[in-house]
């Protein structure tokens, strides 16, 4: 279950981050870039959990 949850959260954070990067506000763009990276990390964690069978 953790695998799927991490992948979903990752997709959501990545999408929100990409949307924030379209802002005219530099601070919001920077926040969006960070959120997109967080989403990618969550997706990676989900893949690792899937490979290890949610044992981590």
C-alpha atoms as a PDB file:
ATOM      1  CA  UNK A   1       0.000   0.000   0.000  1.00  0.00           C
ATOM      2  CA  UNK A   2       2.868   2.391   0.714  1.00  0.00           C
ATOM      3  CA  UNK A   3       4.123   2.046  -2.822  1.00  0.00           C
ATOM      4  CA  UNK A   4       0.881   3.234  -4.385  1.00  0.00           C
ATOM      5  CA  UNK A   5       0.464   6.046  -1.849  1.00  0.00           C
ATOM      6  CA  UNK A   6       3.963   7.379  -2.508  1.00  0.00           C
ATOM      7  CA  UNK A   7       3.471   7.236  -6.262  1.00  0.00           C
ATOM      8  CA  UNK A   8       0.146   9.095  -6.065  1.00  0.00           C
ATOM      9  CA  UNK A   9       1.520  11.762  -3.729  1.00  0.00           C
ATOM     10  CA  UNK A  10       4.527  12.091  -5.999  1.00  0.00           C
ATOM     11  CA  UNK A  11       2.382  12.614  -9.072  1.00  0.00           C
ATOM     12  CA  UNK A  12       0.280  15.229  -7.291  1.00  0.00           C
ATOM     13  CA  UNK A  13       3.297  17.148  -5.971  1.00  0.00           C
ATOM     14  CA  UNK A  14       4.981  17.031  -9.354  1.00  0.00           C
ATOM     15  CA  UNK A  15       1.874  18.367 -11.125  1.00  0.00           C
ATOM     16  CA  UNK A  16       1.345  21.157  -8.588  1.00  0.00           C
ATOM     17  CA  UNK A  17       5.020  22.058  -8.770  1.00  0.00           C
ATOM     18  CA  UNK A  18       4.897  22.306 -12.556  1.00  0.00           C
ATOM     19  CA  UNK A  19       1.829  24.544 -12.330  1.00  0.00           C
ATOM     20  CA  UNK A  20       3.507  26.837  -9.785  1.00  0.00           C
ATOM     21  CA  UNK A  21       6.494  27.231 -12.082  1.00  0.00           C
ATOM     22  CA  UNK A  22       4.224  28.995 -14.587  1.00  0.00           C
ATOM     23  CA  UNK A  23       3.704  31.861 -12.105  1.00  0.00           C
ATOM     24  CA  UNK A  24       5.015  35.389 -12.620  1.00  0.00           C
ATOM     25  CA  UNK A  25       6.213  35.456  -9.010  1.00  0.00           C
ATOM     26  CA  UNK A  26       9.852  34.252  -8.690  1.00  0.00           C
ATOM     27  CA  UNK A  27       9.273  32.933  -5.169  1.00  0.00           C
ATOM     28  CA  UNK A  28       6.330  30.848  -6.352  1.00  0.00           C
ATOM     29  CA  UNK A  29       8.387  29.531  -9.286  1.00  0.00           C
ATOM     30  CA  UNK A  30      11.158  28.475  -6.894  1.00  0.00           C
ATOM     31  CA  UNK A  31       8.626  26.821  -4.594  1.00  0.00           C
ATOM     32  CA  UNK A  32       7.188  24.987  -7.585  1.00  0.00           C
ATOM     33  CA  UNK A  33      10.598  23.684  -8.610  1.00  0.00           C
ATOM     34  CA  UNK A  34      11.147  22.357  -5.104  1.00  0.00           C
ATOM     35  CA  UNK A  35       7.726  20.765  -5.002  1.00  0.00           C
ATOM     36  CA  UNK A  36       8.312  19.097  -8.357  1.00  0.00           C
ATOM     37  CA  UNK A  37      11.575  17.608  -7.059  1.00  0.00           C
ATOM     38  CA  UNK A  38       9.776  16.422  -3.929  1.00  0.00           C
ATOM     39  CA  UNK A  39       7.233  14.694  -6.132  1.00  0.00           C
ATOM     40  CA  UNK A  40       9.932  12.955  -8.135  1.00  0.00           C
ATOM     41  CA  UNK A  41      11.563  11.779  -4.900  1.00  0.00           C
ATOM     42  CA  UNK A  42       8.231  10.423  -3.638  1.00  0.00           C
ATOM     43  CA  UNK A  43       7.702   8.535  -6.876  1.00  0.00           C
ATOM     44  CA  UNK A  44      11.188   7.070  -6.597  1.00  0.00           C
ATOM     45  CA  UNK A  45      10.489   6.022  -3.000  1.00  0.00           C
ATOM     46  CA  UNK A  46       7.336   4.294  -4.212  1.00  0.00           C
ATOM     47  CA  UNK A  47       9.304   2.403  -6.847  1.00  0.00           C
ATOM     48  CA  UNK A  48      11.852   1.307  -4.254  1.00  0.00           C
ATOM     49  CA  UNK A  49       9.111   0.148  -1.913  1.00  0.00           C
ATOM     50  CA  UNK A  50       7.567  -1.796  -4.777  1.00  0.00           C
ATOM     51  CA  UNK A  51      10.856  -3.476  -5.564  1.00  0.00           C
ATOM     52  CA  UNK A  52      11.371  -4.382  -1.900  1.00  0.00           C
ATOM     53  CA  UNK A  53       7.788  -5.431  -1.316  1.00  0.00           C
ATOM     54  CA  UNK A  54       6.888  -2.580   1.088  1.00  0.00           C
ATOM     55  CA  UNK A  55       9.342  -3.974   3.658  1.00  0.00           C
ATOM     56  CA  UNK A  56      10.961  -0.594   4.277  1.00  0.00           C
END
